[in-house]
């Protein structure tokens, strides 16, 4: 346990301090199809998994449509309730601080 902690701290230090890199929230990026990239963008919102992302895209047609939909339209999508619809609107509509 201690060795693993020390190893992770060393790797993080090398990546972030020695090389002045910012940690990527999405990890490694690989070549993906357009559909996979669209699902990836939508599923980046907290608590939206791949199934819900797919449902949103199938029902609304595009990432842009998902991001600009109002809460009522979002709640019409299978698997999207009031909390998820509100979260999407909060993420998309809130100012960056």
Protein backbone atom coordinates (compact mmCIF):
# COMPACT_ATOMS: atom_id res chain seq x y z
CA UNK A 1 0.00 0.00 0.00
CA UNK A 2 2.73 2.46 0.96
CA UNK A 3 4.82 1.53 -2.08
CA UNK A 4 1.85 2.12 -4.38
CA UNK A 5 1.18 5.50 -2.79
CA UNK A 6 4.80 6.51 -3.17
CA UNK A 7 4.91 5.35 -6.79
CA UNK A 8 1.75 7.31 -7.68
CA UNK A 9 3.10 10.43 -5.98
CA UNK A 10 6.35 10.13 -7.95
CA UNK A 11 4.51 9.72 -11.26
CA UNK A 12 2.21 12.65 -10.48
CA UNK A 13 5.16 14.82 -9.52
CA UNK A 14 6.99 14.02 -12.74
CA UNK A 15 3.95 14.69 -14.89
CA UNK A 16 2.67 17.80 -13.12
CA UNK A 17 5.69 19.47 -11.56
CA UNK A 18 8.71 18.48 -13.60
CA UNK A 19 6.93 18.83 -16.94
CA UNK A 20 4.40 21.48 -15.90
CA UNK A 21 1.45 19.52 -17.23
CA UNK A 22 -2.15 19.80 -16.16
CA UNK A 23 -3.94 16.58 -15.28
CA UNK A 24 -6.44 15.62 -17.98
CA UNK A 25 -9.91 14.93 -16.67
CA UNK A 26 -10.59 12.60 -19.60
CA UNK A 27 -7.44 10.50 -19.52
CA UNK A 28 -5.90 9.26 -22.73
CA UNK A 29 -7.65 10.09 -25.98
CA UNK A 30 -7.82 7.50 -28.70
CA UNK A 31 -9.19 7.58 -32.21
CA UNK A 32 -12.94 7.21 -31.98
CA UNK A 33 -15.82 7.23 -34.37
CA UNK A 34 -17.99 10.34 -34.54
CA UNK A 35 -20.76 8.55 -32.62
CA UNK A 36 -18.31 7.56 -29.87
CA UNK A 37 -16.99 11.12 -29.63
CA UNK A 38 -20.53 12.49 -29.33
CA UNK A 39 -21.39 9.96 -26.62
CA UNK A 40 -18.14 10.85 -24.85
CA UNK A 41 -18.99 14.57 -24.80
CA UNK A 42 -22.48 14.02 -23.41
CA UNK A 43 -21.36 11.39 -20.89
CA UNK A 44 -18.73 13.81 -19.54
CA UNK A 45 -21.51 15.41 -17.47
CA UNK A 46 -21.60 13.92 -13.96
CA UNK A 47 -23.92 10.94 -13.50
CA UNK A 48 -24.59 10.52 -17.23
CA UNK A 49 -23.37 7.15 -18.34
CA UNK A 50 -23.06 5.76 -21.85
CA UNK A 51 -26.64 4.44 -21.99
CA UNK A 52 -28.19 7.78 -21.01
CA UNK A 53 -25.82 9.63 -23.35
CA UNK A 54 -26.91 7.36 -26.21
CA UNK A 55 -30.58 7.87 -25.31
CA UNK A 56 -30.15 11.65 -25.28
CA UNK A 57 -28.39 11.64 -28.63
CA UNK A 58 -30.88 9.27 -30.24
CA UNK A 59 -33.88 11.27 -28.99
CA UNK A 60 -32.51 14.78 -29.57
CA UNK A 61 -30.29 14.12 -32.58
CA UNK A 62 -27.02 15.92 -31.78
CA UNK A 63 -24.72 17.10 -29.01
CA UNK A 64 -25.85 20.65 -29.71
CA UNK A 65 -29.50 19.66 -29.33
CA UNK A 66 -28.76 17.92 -26.02
CA UNK A 67 -26.88 20.94 -24.71
CA UNK A 68 -29.55 23.45 -25.75
CA UNK A 69 -32.63 21.42 -24.79
CA UNK A 70 -34.80 22.73 -21.97
CA UNK A 71 -35.47 20.65 -18.86
CA UNK A 72 -38.90 19.50 -20.03
CA UNK A 73 -37.49 18.17 -23.32
CA UNK A 74 -34.64 16.46 -21.48
CA UNK A 75 -37.08 14.74 -19.09
CA UNK A 76 -38.89 13.21 -22.09
CA UNK A 77 -35.80 11.10 -22.82
CA UNK A 78 -35.84 7.58 -21.32
CA UNK A 79 -33.58 7.43 -18.27
CA UNK A 80 -33.51 11.20 -17.72
CA UNK A 81 -35.34 12.47 -14.67
CA UNK A 82 -35.68 15.89 -13.09
CA UNK A 83 -32.31 15.73 -11.32
CA UNK A 84 -30.37 14.75 -14.44
CA UNK A 85 -32.19 17.31 -16.58
CA UNK A 86 -31.42 20.02 -14.03
CA UNK A 87 -27.76 18.96 -13.87
CA UNK A 88 -27.40 19.18 -17.66
CA UNK A 89 -28.93 22.65 -17.70
CA UNK A 90 -26.72 23.75 -14.78
CA UNK A 91 -23.54 22.51 -16.46
CA UNK A 92 -24.42 23.97 -19.85
CA UNK A 93 -26.04 27.20 -18.70
CA UNK A 94 -23.86 28.28 -15.78
CA UNK A 95 -21.06 30.78 -16.18
CA UNK A 96 -17.52 29.46 -15.87
CA UNK A 97 -15.79 30.79 -12.77
